[in-house]
C-alpha atoms as a PDB file:
ATOM      1  CA  UNK A   1     107.451  64.798 101.382  1.00  0.00           C
ATOM      2  CA  UNK A   2     103.686  64.601 101.557  1.00  0.00           C
ATOM      3  CA  UNK A   3     102.420  64.068  97.976  1.00  0.00           C
ATOM      4  CA  UNK A   4      99.743  66.725  98.525  1.00  0.00           C
ATOM      5  CA  UNK A   5     102.422  69.289  99.264  1.00  0.00           C
ATOM      6  CA  UNK A   6     104.429  68.178  96.230  1.00  0.00           C
ATOM      7  CA  UNK A   7     101.296  68.711  94.119  1.00  0.00           C
ATOM      8  CA  UNK A   8     100.736  72.112  95.720  1.00  0.00           C
ATOM      9  CA  UNK A   9     104.310  73.123  94.818  1.00  0.00           C
ATOM     10  CA  UNK A  10     103.769  71.976  91.220  1.00  0.00           C
ATOM     11  CA  UNK A  11     100.529  73.952  90.982  1.00  0.00           C
ATOM     12  CA  UNK A  12     102.254  76.987  92.433  1.00  0.00           C
ATOM     13  CA  UNK A  13     105.229  76.836  90.053  1.00  0.00           C
ATOM     14  CA  UNK A  14     103.078  76.279  86.958  1.00  0.00           C
ATOM     15  CA  UNK A  15     100.963  79.321  87.713  1.00  0.00           C
ATOM     16  CA  UNK A  16     103.259  81.999  89.108  1.00  0.00           C
ATOM     17  CA  UNK A  17     101.343  84.604  87.098  1.00  0.00           C
ATOM     18  CA  UNK A  18      98.006  83.597  88.666  1.00  0.00           C
ATOM     19  CA  UNK A  19      96.592  84.449  92.063  1.00  0.00           C
ATOM     20  CA  UNK A  20      97.702  81.573  94.274  1.00  0.00           C
ATOM     21  CA  UNK A  21      94.982  81.628  96.838  1.00  0.00           C
ATOM     22  CA  UNK A  22      95.457  79.171  99.635  1.00  0.00           C
ATOM     23  CA  UNK A  23      91.714  78.481  99.571  1.00  0.00           C
ATOM     24  CA  UNK A  24      91.788  77.423  95.913  1.00  0.00           C
ATOM     25  CA  UNK A  25      94.799  75.135  96.268  1.00  0.00           C
ATOM     26  CA  UNK A  26      93.681  73.628  99.573  1.00  0.00           C
ATOM     27  CA  UNK A  27      90.243  72.891  98.080  1.00  0.00           C
ATOM     28  CA  UNK A  28      91.880  71.176  95.114  1.00  0.00           C
ATOM     29  CA  UNK A  29      93.821  69.019  97.564  1.00  0.00           C
ATOM     30  CA  UNK A  30      90.745  68.284  99.683  1.00  0.00           C
ATOM     31  CA  UNK A  31      92.125  70.081 102.729  1.00  0.00           C
ATOM     32  CA  UNK A  32      90.934  72.982 104.814  1.00  0.00           C
ATOM     33  CA  UNK A  33      93.059  76.115 104.348  1.00  0.00           C
ATOM     34  CA  UNK A  34      94.389  75.903 107.905  1.00  0.00           C
ATOM     35  CA  UNK A  35      95.311  72.213 107.546  1.00  0.00           C
ATOM     36  CA  UNK A  36      96.989  72.908 104.218  1.00  0.00           C
ATOM     37  CA  UNK A  37      99.028  75.766 105.723  1.00  0.00           C
ATOM     38  CA  UNK A  38     100.057  73.549 108.631  1.00  0.00           C
ATOM     39  CA  UNK A  39     101.139  70.672 106.365  1.00  0.00           C
ATOM     40  CA  UNK A  40     102.901  73.042 103.976  1.00  0.00           C
ATOM     41  CA  UNK A  41     104.938  74.679 106.703  1.00  0.00           C
ATOM     42  CA  UNK A  42     105.792  71.320 108.287  1.00  0.00           C
ATOM     43  CA  UNK A  43     106.992  69.966 104.932  1.00  0.00           C
ATOM     44  CA  UNK A  44     108.852  73.018 103.630  1.00  0.00           C
ATOM     45  CA  UNK A  45     109.736  75.066 106.700  1.00  0.00           C
ATOM     46  CA  UNK A  46     108.046  78.097 105.120  1.00  0.00           C
ATOM     47  CA  UNK A  47     104.558  79.459 104.892  1.00  0.00           C
ATOM     48  CA  UNK A  48     102.883  79.081 101.524  1.00  0.00           C
ATOM     49  CA  UNK A  49     102.904  82.850 101.053  1.00  0.00           C
ATOM     50  CA  UNK A  50     106.653  83.104 101.735  1.00  0.00           C
ATOM     51  CA  UNK A  51     107.440  80.197  99.398  1.00  0.00           C
ATOM     52  CA  UNK A  52     105.253  81.693  96.671  1.00  0.00           C
ATOM     53  CA  UNK A  53     106.923  85.098  96.963  1.00  0.00           C
ATOM     54  CA  UNK A  54     110.394  83.524  96.791  1.00  0.00           C
ATOM     55  CA  UNK A  55     109.447  81.457  93.724  1.00  0.00           C
ATOM     56  CA  UNK A  56     108.021  84.538  92.005  1.00  0.00           C
ATOM     57  CA  UNK A  57     111.131  86.607  92.713  1.00  0.00           C
ATOM     58  CA  UNK A  58     113.473  83.851  91.520  1.00  0.00           C
ATOM     59  CA  UNK A  59     111.489  83.506  88.278  1.00  0.00           C
ATOM     60  CA  UNK A  60     111.518  87.291  87.876  1.00  0.00           C
ATOM     61  CA  UNK A  61     115.301  87.287  88.210  1.00  0.00           C
ATOM     62  CA  UNK A  62     115.459  84.924  85.211  1.00  0.00           C
ATOM     63  CA  UNK A  63     112.947  86.941  83.199  1.00  0.00           C
ATOM     64  CA  UNK A  64     114.863  90.169  83.750  1.00  0.00           C
ATOM     65  CA  UNK A  65     117.710  88.765  81.652  1.00  0.00           C
ATOM     66  CA  UNK A  66     115.505  89.425  78.595  1.00  0.00           C
ATOM     67  CA  UNK A  67     115.885  93.153  77.889  1.00  0.00           C
ATOM     68  CA  UNK A  68     112.882  93.140  75.536  1.00  0.00           C
ATOM     69  CA  UNK A  69     110.530  92.712  78.499  1.00  0.00           C
ATOM     70  CA  UNK A  70     109.731  95.762  80.556  1.00  0.00           C
ATOM     71  CA  UNK A  71     109.836  95.630  84.351  1.00  0.00           C
ATOM     72  CA  UNK A  72     106.047  95.940  84.313  1.00  0.00           C
ATOM     73  CA  UNK A  73     105.768  92.934  81.979  1.00  0.00           C
ATOM     74  CA  UNK A  74     108.069  90.881  84.201  1.00  0.00           C
ATOM     75  CA  UNK A  75     105.986  91.878  87.231  1.00  0.00           C
ATOM     76  CA  UNK A  76     102.799  90.738  85.493  1.00  0.00           C
ATOM     77  CA  UNK A  77     104.445  87.488  84.396  1.00  0.00           C
ATOM     78  CA  UNK A  78     105.025  86.577  88.041  1.00  0.00           C
ATOM     79  CA  UNK A  79     101.601  87.606  89.300  1.00  0.00           C
ATOM     80  CA  UNK A  80     102.015  91.233  90.328  1.00  0.00           C
ATOM     81  CA  UNK A  81      99.434  93.819  89.324  1.00  0.00           C
ATOM     82  CA  UNK A  82     101.429  96.726  90.718  1.00  0.00           C
ATOM     83  CA  UNK A  83     105.058  97.312  89.753  1.00  0.00           C
ATOM     84  CA  UNK A  84     105.714  99.125  93.044  1.00  0.00           C
ATOM     85  CA  UNK A  85     104.907  95.988  95.084  1.00  0.00           C
ATOM     86  CA  UNK A  86     106.972  93.884  92.704  1.00  0.00           C
ATOM     87  CA  UNK A  87     109.963  96.226  93.001  1.00  0.00           C
ATOM     88  CA  UNK A  88     109.754  96.195  96.817  1.00  0.00           C
ATOM     89  CA  UNK A  89     109.556  92.396  97.023  1.00  0.00           C
ATOM     90  CA  UNK A  90     112.313  91.915  94.443  1.00  0.00           C
ATOM     91  CA  UNK A  91     114.662  94.253  96.312  1.00  0.00           C
ATOM     92  CA  UNK A  92     113.947  92.475  99.587  1.00  0.00           C
ATOM     93  CA  UNK A  93     114.765  89.084  98.032  1.00  0.00           C
ATOM     94  CA  UNK A  94     117.730  90.018  95.834  1.00  0.00           C
ATOM     95  CA  UNK A  95     119.211  93.096  97.505  1.00  0.00           C
ATOM     96  CA  UNK A  96     118.553  95.576  94.714  1.00  0.00           C
ATOM     97  CA  UNK A  97     115.613  96.703  92.619  1.00  0.00           C
ATOM     98  CA  UNK A  98     114.862  94.914  89.340  1.00  0.00           C
ATOM     99  CA  UNK A  99     116.161  97.767  87.189  1.00  0.00           C
ATOM    100  CA  UNK A 100     119.576  97.646  88.884  1.00  0.00           C
ATOM    101  CA  UNK A 101     119.632  93.860  88.675  1.00  0.00           C
ATOM    102  CA  UNK A 102     118.936  94.039  84.943  1.00  0.00           C
ATOM    103  CA  UNK A 103     121.735  96.578  84.371  1.00  0.00           C
ATOM    104  CA  UNK A 104     124.197  94.504  86.433  1.00  0.00           C
ATOM    105  CA  UNK A 105     123.269  91.345  84.516  1.00  0.00           C
ATOM    106  CA  UNK A 106     123.615  93.012  81.136  1.00  0.00           C
ATOM    107  CA  UNK A 107     126.978  94.546  82.029  1.00  0.00           C
ATOM    108  CA  UNK A 108     128.211  91.185  83.327  1.00  0.00           C
ATOM    109  CA  UNK A 109     127.040  89.531  80.093  1.00  0.00           C
ATOM    110  CA  UNK A 110     129.015  91.978  77.968  1.00  0.00           C
ATOM    111  CA  UNK A 111     132.119  91.631  80.141  1.00  0.00           C
ATOM    112  CA  UNK A 112     132.326  87.851  79.699  1.00  0.00           C
END
């Protein structure tokens, strides 16, 4: 894989709670935003935005296992300002809203 794309993925994963603007990351890599998007999609098979959303939702799934964090706190931890958008994206990725995922995970934890 192109080392610039590997670096972009590292930057993305380290800062899931931050705005991941293509312009900021492409500038850090010394690429134009359009060139960065092209290289990213060629290397990963996904757009940067799609990969970022998937990474955020997968991290959120882990964070939801901690019942001391509210859904709103989990949303903020993965870069969402609005819980409604977070809930929509989470349900699209994982098939159910975060609250139902949390309940299912907790019940499964008690059953084992």
